[in-house]
C-alpha atoms as a PDB file:
ATOM      1  CA  MET A   1      -2.851   5.681 -26.874  1.00  0.00           C
ATOM      2  CA  SER A   2      -6.028   6.684 -28.662  1.00  0.00           C
ATOM      3  CA  ALA A   3      -7.487   9.743 -27.475  1.00  0.00           C
ATOM      4  CA  ILE A   4     -11.466  10.087 -28.472  1.00  0.00           C
ATOM      5  CA  ILE A   5     -13.466  13.386 -27.912  1.00  0.00           C
ATOM      6  CA  THR A   6     -17.072  12.731 -26.705  1.00  0.00           C
ATOM      7  CA  GLY A   7     -20.209  15.037 -27.655  1.00  0.00           C
ATOM      8  CA  GLU A   8     -19.680  16.799 -23.967  1.00  0.00           C
ATOM      9  CA  ALA A   9     -15.826  17.813 -25.154  1.00  0.00           C
ATOM     10  CA  VAL A  10     -14.196  14.855 -22.588  1.00  0.00           C
ATOM     11  CA  VAL A  11     -11.149  13.379 -23.776  1.00  0.00           C
ATOM     12  CA  LEU A  12     -11.144   9.574 -22.879  1.00  0.00           C
ATOM     13  CA  GLU A  13      -7.384   7.878 -23.232  1.00  0.00           C
ATOM     14  CA  LEU A  14      -8.163   4.273 -24.686  1.00  0.00           C
ATOM     15  CA  ARG A  15      -5.236   1.709 -25.036  1.00  0.00           C
ATOM     16  CA  PRO A  16      -5.712   0.121 -27.951  1.00  0.00           C
ATOM     17  CA  ALA A  17      -4.966  -3.969 -27.553  1.00  0.00           C
ATOM     18  CA  SER A  18      -1.133  -5.014 -29.529  1.00  0.00           C
ATOM     19  CA  PHE A  19      -1.465  -7.260 -32.615  1.00  0.00           C
ATOM     20  CA  ALA A  20      -0.042 -10.107 -29.929  1.00  0.00           C
ATOM     21  CA  ALA A  21      -2.641  -9.816 -27.552  1.00  0.00           C
ATOM     22  CA  ARG A  22      -5.322 -10.139 -29.962  1.00  0.00           C
ATOM     23  CA  SER A  23      -3.841 -12.943 -31.378  1.00  0.00           C
ATOM     24  CA  VAL A  24      -3.679 -14.890 -28.029  1.00  0.00           C
ATOM     25  CA  ALA A  25      -7.209 -14.000 -27.324  1.00  0.00           C
ATOM     26  CA  THR A  26      -8.472 -15.165 -30.544  1.00  0.00           C
ATOM     27  CA  ALA A  27      -6.636 -18.394 -30.204  1.00  0.00           C
ATOM     28  CA  ILE A  28      -7.829 -18.935 -27.033  1.00  0.00           C
ATOM     29  CA  ASP A  29     -11.732 -18.514 -28.330  1.00  0.00           C
ATOM     30  CA  VAL A  30     -10.640 -20.706 -31.328  1.00  0.00           C
ATOM     31  CA  LEU A  31      -9.235 -23.409 -29.324  1.00  0.00           C
ATOM     32  CA  ALA A  32     -12.457 -23.218 -27.002  1.00  0.00           C
ATOM     33  CA  THR A  33     -14.718 -23.809 -29.933  1.00  0.00           C
ATOM     34  CA  VAL A  34     -12.731 -26.444 -31.516  1.00  0.00           C
ATOM     35  CA  LEU A  35     -12.990 -28.194 -27.908  1.00  0.00           C
ATOM     36  CA  VAL A  36     -16.897 -27.734 -27.478  1.00  0.00           C
ATOM     37  CA  ALA A  37     -17.170 -29.097 -31.566  1.00  0.00           C
ATOM     38  CA  PHE A  38     -15.640 -32.050 -30.864  1.00  0.00           C
ATOM     39  CA  GLY A  39     -17.689 -32.738 -27.789  1.00  0.00           C
ATOM     40  CA  LEU A  40     -20.495 -32.092 -29.656  1.00  0.00           C
ATOM     41  CA  PHE A  41     -19.481 -34.508 -32.860  1.00  0.00           C
ATOM     42  CA  PHE A  42     -18.562 -36.885 -30.762  1.00  0.00           C
ATOM     43  CA  LEU A  43     -22.053 -36.969 -29.160  1.00  0.00           C
ATOM     44  CA  LEU A  44     -23.588 -37.073 -32.155  1.00  0.00           C
ATOM     45  CA  ALA A  45     -21.580 -40.023 -33.630  1.00  0.00           C
ATOM     46  CA  SER A  46     -22.789 -42.166 -30.608  1.00  0.00           C
ATOM     47  CA  LEU A  47     -26.250 -41.309 -31.942  1.00  0.00           C
ATOM     48  CA  ASP A  48     -25.700 -41.408 -35.558  1.00  0.00           C
ATOM     49  CA  SER A  49     -27.616 -44.893 -35.971  1.00  0.00           C
ATOM     50  CA  ALA A  50     -30.987 -44.031 -34.007  1.00  0.00           C
ATOM     51  CA  VAL A  51     -30.953 -40.612 -36.130  1.00  0.00           C
ATOM     52  CA  ASP A  52     -31.995 -40.045 -39.643  1.00  0.00           C
ATOM     53  CA  PRO A  53     -29.134 -39.215 -41.926  1.00  0.00           C
ATOM     54  CA  THR A  54     -30.656 -35.990 -43.376  1.00  0.00           C
ATOM     55  CA  ALA A  55     -31.482 -35.175 -39.845  1.00  0.00           C
ATOM     56  CA  MET A  56     -28.025 -36.070 -38.810  1.00  0.00           C
ATOM     57  CA  ARG A  57     -26.567 -33.607 -41.814  1.00  0.00           C
ATOM     58  CA  ALA A  58     -29.207 -30.621 -40.434  1.00  0.00           C
ATOM     59  CA  ILE A  59     -28.170 -30.851 -36.899  1.00  0.00           C
ATOM     60  CA  ILE A  60     -24.596 -30.723 -37.803  1.00  0.00           C
ATOM     61  CA  LEU A  61     -24.968 -27.629 -39.645  1.00  0.00           C
ATOM     62  CA  SER A  62     -27.209 -26.287 -36.923  1.00  0.00           C
ATOM     63  CA  VAL A  63     -23.786 -26.795 -34.471  1.00  0.00           C
ATOM     64  CA  VAL A  64     -21.738 -25.399 -37.002  1.00  0.00           C
ATOM     65  CA  VAL A  65     -23.444 -22.148 -37.485  1.00  0.00           C
ATOM     66  CA  GLY A  66     -24.518 -22.133 -33.663  1.00  0.00           C
ATOM     67  CA  LEU A  67     -20.693 -22.017 -32.550  1.00  0.00           C
ATOM     68  CA  LEU A  68     -18.999 -20.368 -35.347  1.00  0.00           C
ATOM     69  CA  VAL A  69     -21.863 -17.609 -35.663  1.00  0.00           C
ATOM     70  CA  ILE A  70     -24.665 -17.346 -33.031  1.00  0.00           C
ATOM     71  CA  VAL A  71     -22.283 -18.216 -29.822  1.00  0.00           C
ATOM     72  CA  PRO A  72     -20.130 -15.463 -30.627  1.00  0.00           C
ATOM     73  CA  ILE A  73     -22.801 -12.786 -31.195  1.00  0.00           C
ATOM     74  CA  THR A  74     -24.638 -13.641 -28.366  1.00  0.00           C
ATOM     75  CA  VAL A  75     -21.359 -13.503 -26.187  1.00  0.00           C
ATOM     76  CA  GLU A  76     -20.325 -10.454 -27.435  1.00  0.00           C
ATOM     77  CA  THR A  77     -23.598  -8.772 -27.102  1.00  0.00           C
ATOM     78  CA  LEU A  78     -24.596  -9.793 -24.090  1.00  0.00           C
ATOM     79  CA  SER A  79     -21.142  -8.747 -22.357  1.00  0.00           C
ATOM     80  CA  ARG A  80     -20.414  -5.821 -24.426  1.00  0.00           C
ATOM     81  CA  GLY A  81     -17.256  -6.976 -26.537  1.00  0.00           C
ATOM     82  CA  LYS A  82     -16.095  -9.699 -24.001  1.00  0.00           C
ATOM     83  CA  SER A  83     -15.396 -13.324 -25.005  1.00  0.00           C
ATOM     84  CA  LEU A  84     -13.649 -15.853 -23.252  1.00  0.00           C
ATOM     85  CA  GLY A  85     -10.208 -14.978 -24.792  1.00  0.00           C
ATOM     86  CA  LYS A  86     -10.758 -11.270 -24.031  1.00  0.00           C
ATOM     87  CA  LEU A  87     -11.624 -11.965 -20.807  1.00  0.00           C
ATOM     88  CA  VAL A  88      -8.594 -13.842 -20.214  1.00  0.00           C
ATOM     89  CA  MET A  89      -6.418 -11.278 -21.848  1.00  0.00           C
ATOM     90  CA  GLY A  90      -7.827  -8.237 -20.413  1.00  0.00           C
ATOM     91  CA  LEU A  91      -9.372  -7.005 -23.741  1.00  0.00           C
ATOM     92  CA  ARG A  92     -12.646  -5.485 -24.856  1.00  0.00           C
ATOM     93  CA  ILE A  93     -14.209  -4.795 -28.424  1.00  0.00           C
ATOM     94  CA  VAL A  94     -15.377  -1.023 -28.591  1.00  0.00           C
ATOM     95  CA  ARG A  95     -16.589   0.966 -31.160  1.00  0.00           C
ATOM     96  CA  ASP A  96     -14.394   3.401 -33.014  1.00  0.00           C
ATOM     97  CA  ASP A  97     -16.016   6.211 -30.808  1.00  0.00           C
ATOM     98  CA  GLY A  98     -15.279   4.559 -27.690  1.00  0.00           C
ATOM     99  CA  GLY A  99     -18.946   3.146 -26.834  1.00  0.00           C
ATOM    100  CA  SER A 100     -20.057  -0.104 -26.291  1.00  0.00           C
ATOM    101  CA  ILE A 101     -20.634  -2.392 -29.146  1.00  0.00           C
ATOM    102  CA  ARG A 102     -24.104  -3.846 -30.099  1.00  0.00           C
ATOM    103  CA  PHE A 103     -26.137  -6.625 -32.494  1.00  0.00           C
ATOM    104  CA  ARG A 104     -24.924  -5.381 -35.657  1.00  0.00           C
ATOM    105  CA  HIS A 105     -21.466  -4.445 -34.576  1.00  0.00           C
ATOM    106  CA  ALA A 106     -21.002  -8.427 -33.035  1.00  0.00           C
ATOM    107  CA  LEU A 107     -23.050  -9.369 -36.109  1.00  0.00           C
ATOM    108  CA  VAL A 108     -20.354  -8.117 -38.843  1.00  0.00           C
ATOM    109  CA  ARG A 109     -17.370  -9.203 -36.766  1.00  0.00           C
ATOM    110  CA  ALA A 110     -18.671 -12.791 -36.259  1.00  0.00           C
ATOM    111  CA  MET A 111     -19.833 -13.453 -40.007  1.00  0.00           C
ATOM    112  CA  LEU A 112     -16.725 -11.810 -41.320  1.00  0.00           C
ATOM    113  CA  ALA A 113     -14.656 -13.993 -38.841  1.00  0.00           C
ATOM    114  CA  VAL A 114     -15.912 -17.005 -40.560  1.00  0.00           C
ATOM    115  CA  LEU A 115     -14.030 -16.126 -43.342  1.00  0.00           C
ATOM    116  CA  GLU A 116     -11.003 -14.409 -42.379  1.00  0.00           C
ATOM    117  CA  ILE A 117     -10.441 -16.528 -39.075  1.00  0.00           C
ATOM    118  CA  TYR A 118     -11.647 -20.369 -39.873  1.00  0.00           C
ATOM    119  CA  MET A 119     -11.954 -20.596 -43.525  1.00  0.00           C
ATOM    120  CA  THR A 120      -8.277 -19.094 -44.414  1.00  0.00           C
ATOM    121  CA  LEU A 121      -6.847 -20.346 -40.880  1.00  0.00           C
ATOM    122  CA  GLY A 122      -6.665 -16.748 -39.614  1.00  0.00           C
ATOM    123  CA  SER A 123      -4.148 -15.913 -42.636  1.00  0.00           C
ATOM    124  CA  VAL A 124      -6.370 -12.815 -43.384  1.00  0.00           C
ATOM    125  CA  ALA A 125      -7.029 -11.625 -40.127  1.00  0.00           C
ATOM    126  CA  CYS A 126      -3.075 -11.317 -39.239  1.00  0.00           C
ATOM    127  CA  LEU A 127      -2.495  -9.724 -42.675  1.00  0.00           C
ATOM    128  CA  VAL A 128      -4.708  -7.035 -42.087  1.00  0.00           C
ATOM    129  CA  SER A 129      -4.226  -6.544 -38.478  1.00  0.00           C
ATOM    130  CA  LEU A 130      -0.190  -6.524 -39.083  1.00  0.00           C
ATOM    131  CA  PHE A 131      -0.930  -3.005 -41.243  1.00  0.00           C
ATOM    132  CA  ASN A 132      -3.388  -1.433 -38.691  1.00  0.00           C
ATOM    133  CA  ASP A 133      -2.181   0.739 -36.249  1.00  0.00           C
ATOM    134  CA  LYS A 134      -5.019  -0.240 -34.065  1.00  0.00           C
ATOM    135  CA  SER A 135      -4.412  -3.999 -34.935  1.00  0.00           C
ATOM    136  CA  LYS A 136      -7.878  -3.956 -36.746  1.00  0.00           C
ATOM    137  CA  ARG A 137      -9.011  -7.560 -38.501  1.00  0.00           C
ATOM    138  CA  LEU A 138     -11.641  -7.186 -41.573  1.00  0.00           C
ATOM    139  CA  GLY A 139     -14.496  -7.712 -39.402  1.00  0.00           C
ATOM    140  CA  ASP A 140     -13.616  -4.581 -37.285  1.00  0.00           C
ATOM    141  CA  MET A 141     -12.915  -2.655 -40.180  1.00  0.00           C
ATOM    142  CA  LEU A 142     -16.443  -3.198 -41.379  1.00  0.00           C
ATOM    143  CA  ALA A 143     -18.071  -3.062 -38.202  1.00  0.00           C
ATOM    144  CA  GLY A 144     -16.662   0.311 -36.774  1.00  0.00           C
ATOM    145  CA  THR A 145     -14.646  -1.759 -33.924  1.00  0.00           C
ATOM    146  CA  TYR A 146     -11.514  -2.285 -32.484  1.00  0.00           C
ATOM    147  CA  ALA A 147     -10.199  -3.767 -29.477  1.00  0.00           C
ATOM    148  CA  ILE A 148      -9.001  -1.615 -26.119  1.00  0.00           C
ATOM    149  CA  ARG A 149      -7.247  -3.253 -23.436  1.00  0.00           C
ATOM    150  CA  ASP A 150      -9.772  -3.169 -20.500  1.00  0.00           C
ATOM    151  CA  ARG A 151      -7.430  -4.223 -17.832  1.00  0.00           C
ATOM    152  CA  ALA A 152      -4.991  -1.134 -17.536  1.00  0.00           C
ATOM    153  CA  PRO A 153      -2.986   0.025 -14.401  1.00  0.00           C
ATOM    154  CA  LYS A 154      -4.194   2.237 -12.206  1.00  0.00           C
ATOM    155  CA  ALA A 155      -2.848   5.545 -12.230  1.00  0.00           C
ATOM    156  CA  THR A 156      -1.645   7.273  -9.044  1.00  0.00           C
ATOM    157  CA  PRO A 157      -3.039  10.880  -8.093  1.00  0.00           C
ATOM    158  CA  LEU A 158      -0.236  13.471  -9.746  1.00  0.00           C
ATOM    159  CA  GLN A 159       1.077  14.857  -6.661  1.00  0.00           C
ATOM    160  CA  VAL A 160       2.448  18.475  -7.453  1.00  0.00           C
ATOM    161  CA  SER A 161       3.051  21.820  -5.733  1.00  0.00           C
ATOM    162  CA  VAL A 162       3.893  25.541  -6.066  1.00  0.00           C
ATOM    163  CA  ALA A 163       7.167  26.144  -4.675  1.00  0.00           C
ATOM    164  CA  PRO A 164       7.378  29.482  -2.041  1.00  0.00           C
ATOM    165  CA  GLU A 165       9.274  31.462  -4.429  1.00  0.00           C
ATOM    166  CA  LEU A 166       6.549  30.606  -7.199  1.00  0.00           C
ATOM    167  CA  ALA A 167       3.692  31.433  -5.229  1.00  0.00           C
ATOM    168  CA  GLN A 168       3.129  35.078  -5.901  1.00  0.00           C
ATOM    169  CA  TRP A 169       3.922  34.093  -9.255  1.00  0.00           C
ATOM    170  CA  ALA A 170       1.319  31.581  -9.694  1.00  0.00           C
ATOM    171  CA  GLY A 171      -1.113  34.138  -8.321  1.00  0.00           C
ATOM    172  CA  LEU A 172      -1.089  36.272 -10.961  1.00  0.00           C
ATOM    173  CA  VAL A 173       0.359  34.161 -13.956  1.00  0.00           C
ATOM    174  CA  ASP A 174      -1.555  33.530 -17.712  1.00  0.00           C
ATOM    175  CA  ILE A 175      -2.065  29.700 -18.043  1.00  0.00           C
ATOM    176  CA  GLY A 176      -5.399  29.934 -19.613  1.00  0.00           C
ATOM    177  CA  ARG A 177      -3.747  29.401 -23.546  1.00  0.00           C
ATOM    178  CA  LEU A 178      -2.322  26.097 -22.040  1.00  0.00           C
ATOM    179  CA  PRO A 179      -3.093  23.326 -24.421  1.00  0.00           C
ATOM    180  CA  ASP A 180      -4.555  20.163 -23.071  1.00  0.00           C
ATOM    181  CA  PRO A 181      -1.891  17.945 -24.818  1.00  0.00           C
ATOM    182  CA  LEU A 182       1.179  19.792 -23.605  1.00  0.00           C
ATOM    183  CA  ALA A 183      -0.566  20.071 -20.134  1.00  0.00           C
ATOM    184  CA  ARG A 184      -0.844  15.676 -20.132  1.00  0.00           C
ATOM    185  CA  ARG A 185       2.617  15.675 -21.502  1.00  0.00           C
ATOM    186  CA  ILE A 186       3.538  17.773 -18.458  1.00  0.00           C
ATOM    187  CA  SER A 187       2.000  15.538 -16.232  1.00  0.00           C
ATOM    188  CA  VAL A 188       3.186  12.395 -17.375  1.00  0.00           C
ATOM    189  CA  PHE A 189       6.853  13.943 -17.331  1.00  0.00           C
ATOM    190  CA  LEU A 190       5.913  14.889 -13.336  1.00  0.00           C
ATOM    191  CA  ARG A 191       4.650  11.525 -12.640  1.00  0.00           C
ATOM    192  CA  GLN A 192       7.308   9.193 -14.130  1.00  0.00           C
ATOM    193  CA  GLY A 193      10.176  11.524 -14.715  1.00  0.00           C
ATOM    194  CA  SER A 194      11.764  10.248 -11.624  1.00  0.00           C
ATOM    195  CA  ALA A 195      12.823   6.698 -12.913  1.00  0.00           C
ATOM    196  CA  MET A 196      14.778   8.969 -15.686  1.00  0.00           C
ATOM    197  CA  ALA A 197      18.308   9.223 -15.897  1.00  0.00           C
ATOM    198  CA  GLY A 198      19.591  12.782 -14.470  1.00  0.00           C
ATOM    199  CA  PRO A 199      20.602  14.179 -17.482  1.00  0.00           C
ATOM    200  CA  SER A 200      17.675  12.871 -19.619  1.00  0.00           C
ATOM    201  CA  ARG A 201      15.232  14.326 -17.034  1.00  0.00           C
ATOM    202  CA  PHE A 202      16.738  17.758 -16.901  1.00  0.00           C
ATOM    203  CA  ALA A 203      16.983  17.897 -21.029  1.00  0.00           C
ATOM    204  CA  MET A 204      13.533  16.717 -21.019  1.00  0.00           C
ATOM    205  CA  ALA A 205      12.422  19.534 -18.200  1.00  0.00           C
ATOM    206  CA  VAL A 206      14.070  22.548 -20.172  1.00  0.00           C
ATOM    207  CA  GLU A 207      11.881  21.189 -23.506  1.00  0.00           C
ATOM    208  CA  LEU A 208       8.846  21.212 -21.988  1.00  0.00           C
ATOM    209  CA  ALA A 209       9.264  24.216 -20.179  1.00  0.00           C
ATOM    210  CA  GLY A 210      10.436  25.671 -23.418  1.00  0.00           C
ATOM    211  CA  GLU A 211       7.147  24.704 -25.120  1.00  0.00           C
ATOM    212  CA  ALA A 212       4.762  26.018 -22.171  1.00  0.00           C
ATOM    213  CA  SER A 213       6.904  29.137 -21.880  1.00  0.00           C
ATOM    214  CA  ALA A 214       5.229  30.065 -25.266  1.00  0.00           C
ATOM    215  CA  TYR A 215       1.645  29.939 -23.582  1.00  0.00           C
ATOM    216  CA  VAL A 216       2.685  31.781 -20.283  1.00  0.00           C
ATOM    217  CA  ALA A 217       2.710  35.530 -19.295  1.00  0.00           C
ATOM    218  CA  PRO A 218       4.625  36.264 -17.303  1.00  0.00           C
ATOM    219  CA  LEU A 219       7.530  33.743 -16.672  1.00  0.00           C
ATOM    220  CA  PRO A 220       8.983  33.150 -13.607  1.00  0.00           C
ATOM    221  CA  ALA A 221      12.248  34.815 -12.688  1.00  0.00           C
ATOM    222  CA  PRO A 222      15.187  33.823 -14.881  1.00  0.00           C
ATOM    223  CA  GLY A 223      17.148  30.880 -13.309  1.00  0.00           C
ATOM    224  CA  THR A 224      13.897  29.096 -12.229  1.00  0.00           C
ATOM    225  CA  ASP A 225      14.750  24.912 -12.365  1.00  0.00           C
ATOM    226  CA  PRO A 226      12.115  24.125 -15.005  1.00  0.00           C
ATOM    227  CA  THR A 227      10.682  20.910 -12.950  1.00  0.00           C
ATOM    228  CA  VAL A 228       9.920  23.434 -10.128  1.00  0.00           C
ATOM    229  CA  PHE A 229       8.489  25.478 -12.959  1.00  0.00           C
ATOM    230  CA  LEU A 230       6.464  22.682 -14.557  1.00  0.00           C
ATOM    231  CA  SER A 231       5.208  21.630 -11.361  1.00  0.00           C
ATOM    232  CA  ALA A 232       3.707  24.909 -10.240  1.00  0.00           C
ATOM    233  CA  LEU A 233       2.561  25.439 -13.633  1.00  0.00           C
ATOM    234  CA  ILE A 234       0.206  22.097 -13.390  1.00  0.00           C
ATOM    235  CA  CYS A 235      -0.961  22.618  -9.695  1.00  0.00           C
ATOM    236  CA  GLU A 236      -2.064  26.299 -10.461  1.00  0.00           C
ATOM    237  CA  ARG A 237      -3.788  24.987 -13.801  1.00  0.00           C
ATOM    238  CA  ARG A 238      -5.181  22.040 -11.979  1.00  0.00           C
ATOM    239  CA  ASP A 239      -6.566  24.469  -8.917  1.00  0.00           C
ATOM    240  CA  ARG A 240      -8.010  26.910 -11.020  1.00  0.00           C
ATOM    241  CA  GLU A 241     -10.044  24.354 -13.060  1.00  0.00           C
ATOM    242  CA  HIS A 242     -11.241  22.819  -9.656  1.00  0.00           C
ATOM    243  CA  LEU A 243     -12.350  26.448  -8.808  1.00  0.00           C
ATOM    244  CA  ARG A 244     -14.327  26.738 -12.310  1.00  0.00           C
ATOM    245  CA  LEU A 245     -16.067  23.593 -11.828  1.00  0.00           C
ATOM    246  CA  SER A 246     -17.057  24.251  -8.481  1.00  0.00           C
ATOM    247  CA  ILE A 247     -18.176  27.801  -9.100  1.00  0.00           C
ATOM    248  CA  GLY A 248     -20.028  26.362 -12.689  1.00  0.00           C
ATOM    249  CA  ALA A 249     -21.482  23.811 -10.072  1.00  0.00           C
ATOM    250  CA  ASP A 250     -23.031  26.150  -7.932  1.00  0.00           C
ATOM    251  CA  ARG A 251     -24.231  28.692 -10.501  1.00  0.00           C
ATOM    252  CA  ALA A 252     -26.505  25.417 -12.138  1.00  0.00           C
ATOM    253  CA  ALA A 253     -27.483  24.540  -8.225  1.00  0.00           C
ATOM    254  CA  SER A 254     -28.486  28.270  -7.851  1.00  0.00           C
ATOM    255  CA  VAL A 255     -30.155  28.014 -10.988  1.00  0.00           C
ATOM    256  CA  ARG A 256     -32.299  25.104  -9.990  1.00  0.00           C
ATOM    257  CA  GLY A 257     -33.240  26.279  -6.562  1.00  0.00           C
ATOM    258  CA  GLN A 258     -34.191  29.475  -8.213  1.00  0.00           C
ATOM    259  CA  LEU A 259     -36.365  27.425 -11.170  1.00  0.00           C
ATOM    260  CA  ALA A 260     -37.612  25.066  -8.371  1.00  0.00           C
ATOM    261  CA  ARG A 261     -39.056  28.601  -6.073  1.00  0.00           C
ATOM    262  CA  HIS A 262     -40.630  29.855  -8.993  1.00  0.00           C
ATOM    263  CA  GLY A 263     -42.576  26.431 -10.062  1.00  0.00           C
ATOM    264  CA  VAL A 264     -43.486  26.900  -6.507  1.00  0.00           C
ATOM    265  CA  ASN A 265     -44.929  30.115  -6.582  1.00  0.00           C
ATOM    266  CA  SER A 266     -46.711  29.668  -9.824  1.00  0.00           C
END
């Protein structure tokens, strides 16, 4: 998982595409390009006797440049990082900051693809991708892009609640210092912990509860089940965050109303 923090301090979690997925997507793109090229060259061969040799060479060069450079640039620019192979594999090319690519990114990628994919039969792209944690090829490194999984499975909402015996504690506890990465790990555990074996699930709950205890005051009563503690902690954190956002929205609406009335009165 790749975490990106936007300018609005929002954490985006993107899944980089694996080397295998990118390889299959690239193979599909190359195969489609080769099939189209064979079809066009077959058509040109049938017209060879009616076209001047110099003009035919110019046409062939134009076809090659169009298929290897112009078409990929146009497709990726208009589709914001898609191609036939990426569409099939559920991938998309994005910038390193998570945004959609533009013409200059597609241009750099297409120009380098001629070298690292077609001229070297993909050997350069494979070697570079294998030693990169995001499976970037050379064109991605120079363009500042990488491939993500565009068809990620939809996450089900996390169902957590505060146990009755912790209701009073939840109303008084200070959890403001709980780090976001730790809260996300606890949420993942609460969502997926049911699939773990009993001893492993309990050990993980004890470990996470121990980490969270350093940021919680006061602690719940001794002997509290760690899973119950974590569930109450995340539930209370979520409710307080919703309350904070609601208050912020109400204040913003109030300020806009006051400004509007001030403008009318003026």
